[in-house]
Amino acid sequence: MPEADVNSRSSDTQQQFVIQKVYLKDASLEIPNAPEIFRAEWRPQADVKLDTEHRLLDETAYEVIITATVTTKLDGKTAYLCEVHAAGIFTIAGFDNKMLASLLGSYCPAILFPYAREAISDFTSRAGFPAMVLAPVNFDVVYAQQLAEQQQRQTSESR
């Protein structure tokens, strides 16, 4: 994987952002109503859920995971449930806490999302369904919403 290195001088601290590895951590596909589901007229209703998490591996290395879960139903019956955990190891150093949180909560998931999207599409088409292509996601907006919700919860709890 090519190294994406962002270096700039801020005070005396050198900022560094490196993609060390992108990988498929876990994936599953369930078709509980096969083969009957393939005989029905294909007018699906899909529910897509995205989640992100991260953890510190050492001083500057973080694992970031994006989980994409697609549940598709046909006439109330589950056609398929596909879940993908796309992950990456990122070296991140020299950023203040606010910027670090933004990188982990928005920038890294945006890097990983195309991999999760491709895996979902591949799994669903290999399972005999039309490929499920997830719509683009603006992780900056998702992250801002998470921050606003967190701030609102903290305000409610402090009352």
C-alpha atoms as a PDB file:
ATOM      1  CA  MET A   1       0.000   0.000   0.000  1.00  0.00           C
ATOM      2  CA  PRO A   2       1.465   3.392  -0.883  1.00  0.00           C
ATOM      3  CA  GLU A   3       2.338   5.591   2.016  1.00  0.00           C
ATOM      4  CA  ALA A   4       0.161   8.659   2.468  1.00  0.00           C
ATOM      5  CA  ASP A   5       2.308  10.968   4.541  1.00  0.00           C
ATOM      6  CA  VAL A   6       1.178  14.443   5.495  1.00  0.00           C
ATOM      7  CA  ASN A   7       3.994  16.387   7.088  1.00  0.00           C
ATOM      8  CA  SER A   8       3.932  20.011   8.121  1.00  0.00           C
ATOM      9  CA  ARG A   9       5.591  22.103  10.778  1.00  0.00           C
ATOM     10  CA  SER A  10       3.420  23.382  13.588  1.00  0.00           C
ATOM     11  CA  SER A  11       5.438  24.943  16.398  1.00  0.00           C
ATOM     12  CA  ASP A  12       8.172  22.391  17.100  1.00  0.00           C
ATOM     13  CA  THR A  13       5.941  19.370  16.516  1.00  0.00           C
ATOM     14  CA  GLN A  14       5.959  17.511  13.228  1.00  0.00           C
ATOM     15  CA  GLN A  15       2.553  16.303  12.134  1.00  0.00           C
ATOM     16  CA  GLN A  16       2.399  12.873  10.572  1.00  0.00           C
ATOM     17  CA  PHE A  17      -0.451  10.879   9.047  1.00  0.00           C
ATOM     18  CA  VAL A  18       0.433   7.545   7.429  1.00  0.00           C
ATOM     19  CA  ILE A  19      -1.834   4.771   6.201  1.00  0.00           C
ATOM     20  CA  GLN A  20       0.027   1.638   7.314  1.00  0.00           C
ATOM     21  CA  LYS A  21      -2.514  -0.997   6.319  1.00  0.00           C
ATOM     22  CA  VAL A  22      -6.107  -1.359   5.085  1.00  0.00           C
ATOM     23  CA  TYR A  23      -7.742  -4.751   5.527  1.00  0.00           C
ATOM     24  CA  LEU A  24     -11.029  -6.623   5.762  1.00  0.00           C
ATOM     25  CA  LYS A  25     -11.264  -7.524   9.457  1.00  0.00           C
ATOM     26  CA  ASP A  26     -14.543  -9.437   9.358  1.00  0.00           C
ATOM     27  CA  ALA A  27     -17.357 -10.110   6.902  1.00  0.00           C
ATOM     28  CA  SER A  28     -20.524 -12.144   6.876  1.00  0.00           C
ATOM     29  CA  LEU A  29     -23.451 -12.788   4.582  1.00  0.00           C
ATOM     30  CA  GLU A  30     -26.594 -14.594   5.614  1.00  0.00           C
ATOM     31  CA  ILE A  31     -29.456 -15.607   3.309  1.00  0.00           C
ATOM     32  CA  PRO A  32     -31.925 -17.131   5.778  1.00  0.00           C
ATOM     33  CA  ASN A  33     -34.773 -17.583   3.300  1.00  0.00           C
ATOM     34  CA  ALA A  34     -32.867 -19.141   0.403  1.00  0.00           C
ATOM     35  CA  PRO A  35     -33.778 -20.587  -2.023  1.00  0.00           C
ATOM     36  CA  GLU A  36     -37.389 -19.343  -1.770  1.00  0.00           C
ATOM     37  CA  ILE A  37     -36.309 -15.703  -1.700  1.00  0.00           C
ATOM     38  CA  PHE A  38     -34.836 -16.048  -5.209  1.00  0.00           C
ATOM     39  CA  ARG A  39     -38.214 -17.041  -6.612  1.00  0.00           C
ATOM     40  CA  ALA A  40     -39.981 -13.883  -5.432  1.00  0.00           C
ATOM     41  CA  GLU A  41     -40.268 -10.649  -7.423  1.00  0.00           C
ATOM     42  CA  TRP A  42     -37.311  -8.462  -6.487  1.00  0.00           C
ATOM     43  CA  ARG A  43     -38.660  -5.309  -4.800  1.00  0.00           C
ATOM     44  CA  PRO A  44     -36.388  -5.021  -1.804  1.00  0.00           C
ATOM     45  CA  GLN A  45     -36.359  -2.677   1.150  1.00  0.00           C
ATOM     46  CA  ALA A  46     -32.854  -2.105   2.429  1.00  0.00           C
ATOM     47  CA  ASP A  47     -31.716  -0.788   5.788  1.00  0.00           C
ATOM     48  CA  VAL A  48     -28.097   0.380   5.983  1.00  0.00           C
ATOM     49  CA  LYS A  49     -26.285   1.057   9.244  1.00  0.00           C
ATOM     50  CA  LEU A  50     -22.783   2.444   9.581  1.00  0.00           C
ATOM     51  CA  ASP A  51     -20.668   2.547  12.707  1.00  0.00           C
ATOM     52  CA  THR A  52     -17.082   3.518  13.390  1.00  0.00           C
ATOM     53  CA  GLU A  53     -14.710   2.796  16.213  1.00  0.00           C
ATOM     54  CA  HIS A  54     -11.030   3.185  16.902  1.00  0.00           C
ATOM     55  CA  ARG A  55      -8.436   2.079  19.406  1.00  0.00           C
ATOM     56  CA  LEU A  56      -4.894   3.053  20.239  1.00  0.00           C
ATOM     57  CA  LEU A  57      -2.342   0.364  19.342  1.00  0.00           C
ATOM     58  CA  ASP A  58       0.792   2.163  20.567  1.00  0.00           C
ATOM     59  CA  GLU A  59       1.982   5.758  20.975  1.00  0.00           C
ATOM     60  CA  THR A  60       1.072   6.827  17.454  1.00  0.00           C
ATOM     61  CA  ALA A  61      -0.688   3.878  15.793  1.00  0.00           C
ATOM     62  CA  TYR A  62      -4.464   3.535  15.738  1.00  0.00           C
ATOM     63  CA  GLU A  63      -6.772   0.872  14.408  1.00  0.00           C
ATOM     64  CA  VAL A  64      -9.928   2.357  12.894  1.00  0.00           C
ATOM     65  CA  ILE A  65     -12.864   0.125  11.973  1.00  0.00           C
ATOM     66  CA  ILE A  66     -15.924   0.988   9.922  1.00  0.00           C
ATOM     67  CA  THR A  67     -18.812  -1.452  10.170  1.00  0.00           C
ATOM     68  CA  ALA A  68     -21.393  -1.478   7.387  1.00  0.00           C
ATOM     69  CA  THR A  69     -24.493  -3.594   7.932  1.00  0.00           C
ATOM     70  CA  VAL A  70     -27.089  -4.029   5.194  1.00  0.00           C
ATOM     71  CA  THR A  71     -30.352  -5.801   5.961  1.00  0.00           C
ATOM     72  CA  THR A  72     -32.494  -6.289   2.868  1.00  0.00           C
ATOM     73  CA  LYS A  73     -36.075  -7.523   3.125  1.00  0.00           C
ATOM     74  CA  LEU A  74     -38.566  -8.663   0.563  1.00  0.00           C
ATOM     75  CA  ASP A  75     -42.225  -8.696   1.605  1.00  0.00           C
ATOM     76  CA  GLY A  76     -41.201  -8.655   5.258  1.00  0.00           C
ATOM     77  CA  LYS A  77     -38.805 -11.604   4.915  1.00  0.00           C
ATOM     78  CA  THR A  78     -35.052 -11.142   5.179  1.00  0.00           C
ATOM     79  CA  ALA A  79     -33.485 -11.608   1.765  1.00  0.00           C
ATOM     80  CA  TYR A  80     -29.970 -11.124   3.111  1.00  0.00           C
ATOM     81  CA  LEU A  81     -27.974  -9.653   5.943  1.00  0.00           C
ATOM     82  CA  CYS A  82     -24.498  -8.533   4.950  1.00  0.00           C
ATOM     83  CA  GLU A  83     -22.009  -7.081   7.422  1.00  0.00           C
ATOM     84  CA  VAL A  84     -18.483  -5.904   6.701  1.00  0.00           C
ATOM     85  CA  HIS A  85     -15.810  -4.613   9.072  1.00  0.00           C
ATOM     86  CA  ALA A  86     -13.225  -2.701   7.034  1.00  0.00           C
ATOM     87  CA  ALA A  87     -10.242  -1.663   9.106  1.00  0.00           C
ATOM     88  CA  GLY A  88      -7.028   0.231   8.845  1.00  0.00           C
ATOM     89  CA  ILE A  89      -3.922   0.940  10.841  1.00  0.00           C
ATOM     90  CA  PHE A  90      -2.947   4.597  10.795  1.00  0.00           C
ATOM     91  CA  THR A  91       0.090   6.359  12.216  1.00  0.00           C
ATOM     92  CA  ILE A  92      -1.048   9.720  13.531  1.00  0.00           C
ATOM     93  CA  ALA A  93       1.301  12.021  15.430  1.00  0.00           C
ATOM     94  CA  GLY A  94       1.744  15.692  16.245  1.00  0.00           C
ATOM     95  CA  PHE A  95      -1.911  16.753  16.148  1.00  0.00           C
ATOM     96  CA  ASP A  96      -3.819  18.393  18.978  1.00  0.00           C
ATOM     97  CA  ASN A  97      -6.637  16.399  20.618  1.00  0.00           C
ATOM     98  CA  LYS A  98      -9.412  18.101  18.632  1.00  0.00           C
ATOM     99  CA  MET A  99      -7.729  17.414  15.286  1.00  0.00           C
ATOM    100  CA  LEU A 100      -6.816  13.852  16.332  1.00  0.00           C
ATOM    101  CA  ALA A 101     -10.461  13.170  17.219  1.00  0.00           C
ATOM    102  CA  SER A 102     -11.528  14.554  13.830  1.00  0.00           C
ATOM    103  CA  LEU A 103      -9.004  12.390  11.973  1.00  0.00           C
ATOM    104  CA  LEU A 104     -10.156   9.268  13.827  1.00  0.00           C
ATOM    105  CA  GLY A 105     -13.857  10.108  13.644  1.00  0.00           C
ATOM    106  CA  SER A 106     -14.109  11.434  10.102  1.00  0.00           C
ATOM    107  CA  TYR A 107     -11.014  11.311   7.919  1.00  0.00           C
ATOM    108  CA  CYS A 108      -9.984   7.679   8.555  1.00  0.00           C
ATOM    109  CA  PRO A 109     -13.548   6.307   8.164  1.00  0.00           C
ATOM    110  CA  ALA A 110     -13.800   8.200   4.858  1.00  0.00           C
ATOM    111  CA  ILE A 111     -10.649   6.407   3.686  1.00  0.00           C
ATOM    112  CA  LEU A 112     -12.049   3.002   4.724  1.00  0.00           C
ATOM    113  CA  PHE A 113     -15.599   3.438   3.416  1.00  0.00           C
ATOM    114  CA  PRO A 114     -14.836   2.628  -0.258  1.00  0.00           C
ATOM    115  CA  TYR A 115     -13.355  -0.714   0.843  1.00  0.00           C
ATOM    116  CA  ALA A 116     -16.474  -1.573   2.871  1.00  0.00           C
ATOM    117  CA  ARG A 117     -18.666  -0.411  -0.006  1.00  0.00           C
ATOM    118  CA  GLU A 118     -16.825  -2.620  -2.499  1.00  0.00           C
ATOM    119  CA  ALA A 119     -16.990  -5.657  -0.191  1.00  0.00           C
ATOM    120  CA  ILE A 120     -20.768  -5.246   0.316  1.00  0.00           C
ATOM    121  CA  SER A 121     -21.275  -4.954  -3.449  1.00  0.00           C
ATOM    122  CA  ASP A 122     -19.088  -7.983  -4.130  1.00  0.00           C
ATOM    123  CA  PHE A 123     -20.708 -10.200  -1.481  1.00  0.00           C
ATOM    124  CA  THR A 124     -24.263  -9.402  -2.514  1.00  0.00           C
ATOM    125  CA  SER A 125     -23.632  -9.969  -6.215  1.00  0.00           C
ATOM    126  CA  ARG A 126     -21.766 -13.247  -5.549  1.00  0.00           C
ATOM    127  CA  ALA A 127     -24.768 -14.345  -3.463  1.00  0.00           C
ATOM    128  CA  GLY A 128     -26.992 -14.055  -6.520  1.00  0.00           C
ATOM    129  CA  PHE A 129     -28.579 -10.687  -5.765  1.00  0.00           C
ATOM    130  CA  PRO A 130     -28.218  -7.421  -7.646  1.00  0.00           C
ATOM    131  CA  ALA A 131     -25.084  -5.707  -6.314  1.00  0.00           C
ATOM    132  CA  MET A 132     -25.830  -3.442  -3.352  1.00  0.00           C
ATOM    133  CA  VAL A 133     -23.952  -0.217  -3.977  1.00  0.00           C
ATOM    134  CA  LEU A 134     -23.925   1.993  -0.910  1.00  0.00           C
ATOM    135  CA  ALA A 135     -24.444   5.704  -1.440  1.00  0.00           C
ATOM    136  CA  PRO A 136     -21.524   8.022  -0.670  1.00  0.00           C
ATOM    137  CA  VAL A 137     -21.292   9.203   2.925  1.00  0.00           C
ATOM    138  CA  ASN A 138     -20.051  12.579   4.146  1.00  0.00           C
ATOM    139  CA  PHE A 139     -18.200  11.524   7.292  1.00  0.00           C
ATOM    140  CA  ASP A 140     -17.516  15.156   8.217  1.00  0.00           C
ATOM    141  CA  VAL A 141     -21.283  15.649   8.632  1.00  0.00           C
ATOM    142  CA  VAL A 142     -21.693  12.320  10.466  1.00  0.00           C
ATOM    143  CA  TYR A 143     -18.866  13.251  12.854  1.00  0.00           C
ATOM    144  CA  ALA A 144     -20.320  16.733  13.447  1.00  0.00           C
ATOM    145  CA  GLN A 145     -23.707  15.154  14.251  1.00  0.00           C
ATOM    146  CA  GLN A 146     -22.069  12.745  16.704  1.00  0.00           C
ATOM    147  CA  LEU A 147     -20.305  15.638  18.429  1.00  0.00           C
ATOM    148  CA  ALA A 148     -23.555  17.631  18.648  1.00  0.00           C
ATOM    149  CA  GLU A 149     -25.417  14.624  20.100  1.00  0.00           C
ATOM    150  CA  GLN A 150     -22.627  14.009  22.605  1.00  0.00           C
ATOM    151  CA  GLN A 151     -22.649  17.666  23.644  1.00  0.00           C
ATOM    152  CA  GLN A 152     -26.450  17.608  23.993  1.00  0.00           C
ATOM    153  CA  ARG A 153     -26.277  14.488  26.192  1.00  0.00           C
ATOM    154  CA  GLN A 154     -23.627  16.104  28.391  1.00  0.00           C
ATOM    155  CA  THR A 155     -25.761  19.251  28.714  1.00  0.00           C
ATOM    156  CA  SER A 156     -28.824  17.159  29.650  1.00  0.00           C
ATOM    157  CA  GLU A 157     -26.872  15.155  32.227  1.00  0.00           C
ATOM    158  CA  SER A 158     -25.429  18.259  33.892  1.00  0.00           C
ATOM    159  CA  ARG A 159     -28.891  19.728  34.568  1.00  0.00           C
END
